[in-house]
Amino acid sequence: MSKLDDLLVKYTADLEAIGEKVDAKFLRAVAKACGPAIYRKDASLVAVSDKKEVERVRSNFLIKKLGLKDTPKLDEGINAVEKAYSKRAKSRVVFYYLLAKHFKKRAAIMPK
């Protein structure tokens, strides 16, 4: 198995642990969209307690990648995902997967 495949097994387990039915193709697309960051320990995690990190998720993923407008609904979505994914060390891929699903923006991630 490749490193990506090993990580996808871990991400799938995280999602299944919170009761999510996992779409493996979509999960792989999210992981690839995150790029090489998923292989670096610090960059592979989302620190929702860090305001700067939350702002990066907001601007770089939700607004730039998913094409959402900057409204209070973004914070509501981040809070909803944080509550659903209560694991202390939150994987960036799982967090982004849940955000894209929450905002119904699969098409923004999936390759054409």
N, C-alpha and C. Protein backbone atom coordinates (compact mmCIF):
# COMPACT_ATOMS: atom_id res chain seq x y z
N MET A 1 0.83 -1.20 0.00
CA MET A 1 0.00 0.00 0.00
C MET A 1 0.87 1.25 0.00
N SER A 2 0.38 2.28 -0.65
CA SER A 2 1.10 3.55 -0.67
C SER A 2 0.83 4.31 0.63
N LYS A 3 1.60 5.37 0.84
CA LYS A 3 1.37 6.20 2.03
C LYS A 3 -0.03 6.79 2.01
N LEU A 4 -0.48 7.21 0.82
CA LEU A 4 -1.82 7.77 0.70
C LEU A 4 -2.87 6.72 1.08
N ASP A 5 -2.71 5.50 0.60
CA ASP A 5 -3.66 4.44 0.94
C ASP A 5 -3.69 4.17 2.44
N ASP A 6 -2.51 4.19 3.07
CA ASP A 6 -2.44 4.00 4.52
C ASP A 6 -3.21 5.11 5.25
N LEU A 7 -3.04 6.34 4.80
CA LEU A 7 -3.73 7.46 5.42
C LEU A 7 -5.24 7.37 5.18
N LEU A 8 -5.64 6.94 3.99
CA LEU A 8 -7.07 6.82 3.69
C LEU A 8 -7.75 5.80 4.61
N VAL A 9 -7.04 4.76 4.98
CA VAL A 9 -7.58 3.77 5.94
C VAL A 9 -7.82 4.46 7.28
N LYS A 10 -6.86 5.28 7.70
CA LYS A 10 -6.99 6.01 8.97
C LYS A 10 -8.15 7.01 8.91
N TYR A 11 -8.25 7.75 7.81
CA TYR A 11 -9.33 8.73 7.66
C TYR A 11 -10.70 8.04 7.64
N THR A 12 -10.77 6.91 6.96
CA THR A 12 -12.02 6.16 6.91
C THR A 12 -12.43 5.71 8.31
N ALA A 13 -11.49 5.25 9.08
CA ALA A 13 -11.78 4.82 10.46
C ALA A 13 -12.29 5.99 11.29
N ASP A 14 -11.68 7.16 11.13
CA ASP A 14 -12.13 8.35 11.86
C ASP A 14 -13.57 8.69 11.50
N LEU A 15 -13.88 8.65 10.21
CA LEU A 15 -15.23 8.99 9.76
C LEU A 15 -16.25 7.96 10.23
N GLU A 16 -15.89 6.70 10.13
CA GLU A 16 -16.81 5.65 10.58
C GLU A 16 -17.03 5.71 12.09
N ALA A 17 -16.02 6.15 12.84
CA ALA A 17 -16.14 6.26 14.29
C ALA A 17 -17.18 7.30 14.71
N ILE A 18 -17.44 8.27 13.82
CA ILE A 18 -18.46 9.28 14.15
C ILE A 18 -19.77 9.01 13.41
N GLY A 19 -19.87 7.81 12.85
CA GLY A 19 -21.13 7.40 12.22
C GLY A 19 -21.32 7.84 10.78
N GLU A 20 -20.26 8.25 10.12
CA GLU A 20 -20.35 8.68 8.72
C GLU A 20 -20.25 7.50 7.78
N LYS A 21 -21.09 7.50 6.76
CA LYS A 21 -20.95 6.53 5.67
C LYS A 21 -19.93 7.14 4.72
N VAL A 22 -18.84 6.46 4.50
CA VAL A 22 -17.70 7.02 3.77
C VAL A 22 -17.81 6.76 2.27
N ASP A 23 -17.64 7.84 1.50
CA ASP A 23 -17.53 7.76 0.05
C ASP A 23 -16.03 7.77 -0.24
N ALA A 24 -15.47 6.59 -0.53
CA ALA A 24 -14.03 6.44 -0.68
C ALA A 24 -13.47 7.31 -1.81
N LYS A 25 -14.19 7.42 -2.90
CA LYS A 25 -13.73 8.22 -4.04
C LYS A 25 -13.64 9.70 -3.65
N PHE A 26 -14.66 10.17 -2.95
CA PHE A 26 -14.68 11.56 -2.50
C PHE A 26 -13.59 11.81 -1.45
N LEU A 27 -13.40 10.86 -0.54
CA LEU A 27 -12.36 10.99 0.48
C LEU A 27 -10.98 11.09 -0.17
N ARG A 28 -10.73 10.27 -1.17
CA ARG A 28 -9.45 10.32 -1.90
C ARG A 28 -9.28 11.68 -2.59
N ALA A 29 -10.36 12.20 -3.17
CA ALA A 29 -10.29 13.51 -3.83
C ALA A 29 -9.97 14.62 -2.83
N VAL A 30 -10.55 14.56 -1.65
CA VAL A 30 -10.27 15.55 -0.61
C VAL A 30 -8.80 15.46 -0.19
N ALA A 31 -8.33 14.24 0.00
CA ALA A 31 -6.93 14.03 0.41
C ALA A 31 -5.98 14.60 -0.65
N LYS A 32 -6.27 14.34 -1.91
CA LYS A 32 -5.42 14.85 -2.99
C LYS A 32 -5.49 16.38 -3.06
N ALA A 33 -6.65 16.94 -2.78
CA ALA A 33 -6.80 18.40 -2.79
C ALA A 33 -5.98 19.06 -1.69
N CYS A 34 -5.73 18.33 -0.61
CA CYS A 34 -4.92 18.87 0.48
C CYS A 34 -3.42 18.89 0.13
N GLY A 35 -3.06 18.11 -0.86
CA GLY A 35 -1.67 18.08 -1.32
C GLY A 35 -0.73 17.46 -0.32
N PRO A 36 0.55 17.84 -0.39
CA PRO A 36 1.57 17.20 0.45
C PRO A 36 1.43 17.51 1.94
N ALA A 37 0.57 18.43 2.30
CA ALA A 37 0.39 18.77 3.72
C ALA A 37 -0.04 17.56 4.55
N ILE A 38 -0.71 16.61 3.92
CA ILE A 38 -1.22 15.46 4.68
C ILE A 38 -0.09 14.55 5.16
N TYR A 39 1.10 14.74 4.63
CA TYR A 39 2.24 13.90 5.03
C TYR A 39 3.09 14.54 6.12
N ARG A 40 2.78 15.78 6.48
CA ARG A 40 3.51 16.47 7.55
C ARG A 40 2.63 16.51 8.80
N LYS A 41 3.17 16.07 9.91
CA LYS A 41 2.41 15.91 11.15
C LYS A 41 1.60 17.15 11.51
N ASP A 42 2.25 18.29 11.62
CA ASP A 42 1.56 19.50 12.05
C ASP A 42 0.55 19.98 11.01
N ALA A 43 0.93 19.97 9.76
CA ALA A 43 0.06 20.47 8.70
C ALA A 43 -1.12 19.54 8.44
N SER A 44 -1.01 18.29 8.83
CA SER A 44 -2.08 17.32 8.57
C SER A 44 -3.24 17.44 9.55
N LEU A 45 -3.07 18.28 10.57
CA LEU A 45 -4.10 18.44 11.60
C LEU A 45 -4.69 19.84 11.56
N VAL A 46 -5.93 19.97 12.00
CA VAL A 46 -6.60 21.26 12.11
C VAL A 46 -6.72 21.59 13.60
N ALA A 47 -6.21 22.74 13.97
CA ALA A 47 -6.29 23.19 15.37
C ALA A 47 -7.43 24.21 15.48
N VAL A 48 -8.62 23.73 15.81
CA VAL A 48 -9.76 24.63 15.86
C VAL A 48 -9.71 25.60 17.04
N SER A 49 -8.80 25.37 17.97
CA SER A 49 -8.64 26.30 19.08
C SER A 49 -7.77 27.50 18.69
N ASP A 50 -7.13 27.43 17.54
CA ASP A 50 -6.28 28.50 17.04
C ASP A 50 -7.07 29.36 16.05
N LYS A 51 -7.33 30.61 16.42
CA LYS A 51 -8.14 31.50 15.58
C LYS A 51 -7.53 31.70 14.19
N LYS A 52 -6.20 31.76 14.11
CA LYS A 52 -5.55 31.92 12.81
C LYS A 52 -5.77 30.69 11.93
N GLU A 53 -5.73 29.52 12.54
CA GLU A 53 -5.96 28.28 11.80
C GLU A 53 -7.39 28.23 11.27
N VAL A 54 -8.35 28.60 12.10
CA VAL A 54 -9.75 28.61 11.68
C VAL A 54 -9.94 29.61 10.53
N GLU A 55 -9.27 30.74 10.61
CA GLU A 55 -9.36 31.73 9.53
C GLU A 55 -8.77 31.17 8.24
N ARG A 56 -7.68 30.41 8.34
CA ARG A 56 -7.09 29.78 7.14
C ARG A 56 -8.06 28.76 6.54
N VAL A 57 -8.70 27.97 7.37
CA VAL A 57 -9.69 27.01 6.88
C VAL A 57 -10.81 27.75 6.15
N ARG A 58 -11.25 28.81 6.76
CA ARG A 58 -12.32 29.65 6.21
C ARG A 58 -11.93 30.22 4.85
N SER A 59 -10.79 30.91 4.81
CA SER A 59 -10.42 31.62 3.58
C SER A 59 -9.85 30.68 2.51
N ASN A 60 -8.96 29.78 2.90
CA ASN A 60 -8.31 28.94 1.89
C ASN A 60 -9.16 27.76 1.42
N PHE A 61 -9.93 27.17 2.31
CA PHE A 61 -10.72 26.02 1.89
C PHE A 61 -12.16 26.40 1.55
N LEU A 62 -12.85 27.01 2.50
CA LEU A 62 -14.27 27.28 2.27
C LEU A 62 -14.50 28.33 1.18
N ILE A 63 -13.75 29.41 1.22
CA ILE A 63 -13.98 30.49 0.26
C ILE A 63 -13.27 30.22 -1.07
N LYS A 64 -11.96 29.94 -1.01
CA LYS A 64 -11.21 29.75 -2.26
C LYS A 64 -11.50 28.41 -2.93
N LYS A 65 -11.41 27.32 -2.19
CA LYS A 65 -11.55 25.99 -2.79
C LYS A 65 -13.01 25.63 -3.08
N LEU A 66 -13.88 25.86 -2.09
CA LEU A 66 -15.29 25.49 -2.29
C LEU A 66 -16.11 26.59 -2.96
N GLY A 67 -15.58 27.80 -3.00
CA GLY A 67 -16.28 28.90 -3.67
C GLY A 67 -17.45 29.47 -2.89
N LEU A 68 -17.41 29.35 -1.58
CA LEU A 68 -18.49 29.88 -0.74
C LEU A 68 -18.30 31.36 -0.47
N LYS A 69 -19.39 32.05 -0.21
CA LYS A 69 -19.34 33.47 0.14
C LYS A 69 -18.99 33.60 1.62
N ASP A 70 -18.30 34.68 1.95
CA ASP A 70 -17.88 34.94 3.33
C ASP A 70 -19.07 35.45 4.14
N THR A 71 -19.75 34.52 4.80
CA THR A 71 -20.92 34.86 5.61
C THR A 71 -20.78 34.16 6.97
N PRO A 72 -21.62 34.53 7.92
CA PRO A 72 -21.60 33.85 9.22
C PRO A 72 -21.91 32.35 9.12
N LYS A 73 -22.52 31.91 8.02
CA LYS A 73 -22.82 30.48 7.85
C LYS A 73 -21.54 29.65 7.80
N LEU A 74 -20.42 30.26 7.39
CA LEU A 74 -19.15 29.54 7.36
C LEU A 74 -18.74 29.14 8.78
N ASP A 75 -18.85 30.08 9.71
CA ASP A 75 -18.51 29.79 11.10
C ASP A 75 -19.47 28.75 11.69
N GLU A 76 -20.74 28.83 11.31
CA GLU A 76 -21.71 27.86 11.79
C GLU A 76 -21.33 26.46 11.29
N GLY A 77 -20.91 26.37 10.04
CA GLY A 77 -20.49 25.08 9.48
C GLY A 77 -19.25 24.54 10.16
N ILE A 78 -18.27 25.41 10.39
CA ILE A 78 -17.05 24.99 11.09
C ILE A 78 -17.39 24.49 12.49
N ASN A 79 -18.26 25.21 13.18
CA ASN A 79 -18.67 24.79 14.53
C ASN A 79 -19.42 23.47 14.51
N ALA A 80 -20.28 23.27 13.51
CA ALA A 80 -21.04 22.02 13.41
C ALA A 80 -20.10 20.84 13.17
N VAL A 81 -19.12 21.03 12.29
CA VAL A 81 -18.17 19.96 12.00
C VAL A 81 -17.29 19.69 13.22
N GLU A 82 -16.87 20.76 13.89
CA GLU A 82 -16.05 20.59 15.10
C GLU A 82 -16.81 19.77 16.15
N LYS A 83 -18.09 20.05 16.28
CA LYS A 83 -18.91 19.34 17.27
C LYS A 83 -19.08 17.87 16.88
N ALA A 84 -19.31 17.61 15.59
CA ALA A 84 -19.50 16.24 15.12
C ALA A 84 -18.20 15.44 15.18
N TYR A 85 -17.09 16.10 14.89
CA TYR A 85 -15.77 15.45 14.85
C TYR A 85 -15.02 15.89 16.10
N SER A 86 -15.38 15.32 17.22
CA SER A 86 -14.89 15.79 18.51
C SER A 86 -13.53 15.24 18.91
N LYS A 87 -12.92 14.46 18.04
CA LYS A 87 -11.60 13.92 18.32
C LYS A 87 -10.63 15.07 18.58
N ARG A 88 -9.75 14.90 19.55
CA ARG A 88 -8.82 15.97 19.93
C ARG A 88 -7.91 16.37 18.77
N ALA A 89 -7.25 15.41 18.15
CA ALA A 89 -6.36 15.68 17.01
C ALA A 89 -7.18 15.49 15.74
N LYS A 90 -7.65 16.59 15.19
CA LYS A 90 -8.55 16.54 14.03
C LYS A 90 -7.75 16.50 12.73
N SER A 91 -7.94 15.44 11.98
CA SER A 91 -7.28 15.30 10.68
C SER A 91 -7.83 16.35 9.72
N ARG A 92 -6.95 17.02 9.01
CA ARG A 92 -7.35 18.04 8.04
C ARG A 92 -8.24 17.43 6.95
N VAL A 93 -7.88 16.26 6.47
CA VAL A 93 -8.65 15.62 5.40
C VAL A 93 -10.07 15.30 5.89
N VAL A 94 -10.19 14.73 7.06
CA VAL A 94 -11.51 14.40 7.60
C VAL A 94 -12.31 15.68 7.84
N PHE A 95 -11.67 16.68 8.39
CA PHE A 95 -12.34 17.96 8.66
C PHE A 95 -12.85 18.58 7.36
N TYR A 96 -12.01 18.59 6.33
CA TYR A 96 -12.41 19.16 5.04
C TYR A 96 -13.50 18.31 4.37
N TYR A 97 -13.40 17.00 4.49
CA TYR A 97 -14.43 16.10 3.96
C TYR A 97 -15.78 16.47 4.57
N LEU A 98 -15.79 16.61 5.89
CA LEU A 98 -17.04 16.92 6.59
C LEU A 98 -17.55 18.32 6.23
N LEU A 99 -16.65 19.28 6.07
CA LEU A 99 -17.06 20.62 5.67
C LEU A 99 -17.66 20.62 4.26
N ALA A 100 -17.01 19.95 3.32
CA ALA A 100 -17.52 19.89 1.95
C ALA A 100 -18.89 19.21 1.92
N LYS A 101 -19.04 18.18 2.73
CA LYS A 101 -20.32 17.49 2.81
C LYS A 101 -21.37 18.39 3.45
N HIS A 102 -21.01 19.08 4.53
CA HIS A 102 -21.93 19.98 5.23
C HIS A 102 -22.47 21.06 4.28
N PHE A 103 -21.58 21.63 3.48
CA PHE A 103 -21.97 22.71 2.57
C PHE A 103 -22.43 22.21 1.20
N LYS A 104 -22.52 20.87 1.05
CA LYS A 104 -22.98 20.26 -0.20
C LYS A 104 -22.16 20.76 -1.39
N LYS A 105 -20.83 20.67 -1.24
CA LYS A 105 -19.91 21.16 -2.27
C LYS A 105 -18.99 20.05 -2.79
N ARG A 106 -19.50 18.83 -2.90
CA ARG A 106 -18.68 17.73 -3.41
C ARG A 106 -18.11 18.05 -4.79
N ALA A 107 -18.91 18.69 -5.61
CA ALA A 107 -18.51 18.97 -6.99
C ALA A 107 -17.27 19.88 -7.06
N ALA A 108 -17.06 20.69 -6.05
CA ALA A 108 -15.89 21.58 -6.04
C ALA A 108 -14.60 20.80 -5.79
N ILE A 109 -14.69 19.60 -5.24
CA ILE A 109 -13.53 18.78 -4.91
C ILE A 109 -13.31 17.66 -5.92
N MET A 110 -14.40 17.06 -6.37
CA MET A 110 -14.29 15.89 -7.24
C MET A 110 -13.71 16.27 -8.60
N PRO A 111 -12.78 15.44 -9.09
CA PRO A 111 -12.21 15.72 -10.41
C PRO A 111 -13.27 15.53 -11.48
N LYS A 112 -13.16 16.30 -12.51
CA LYS A 112 -14.13 16.26 -13.62
C LYS A 112 -13.94 15.02 -14.45
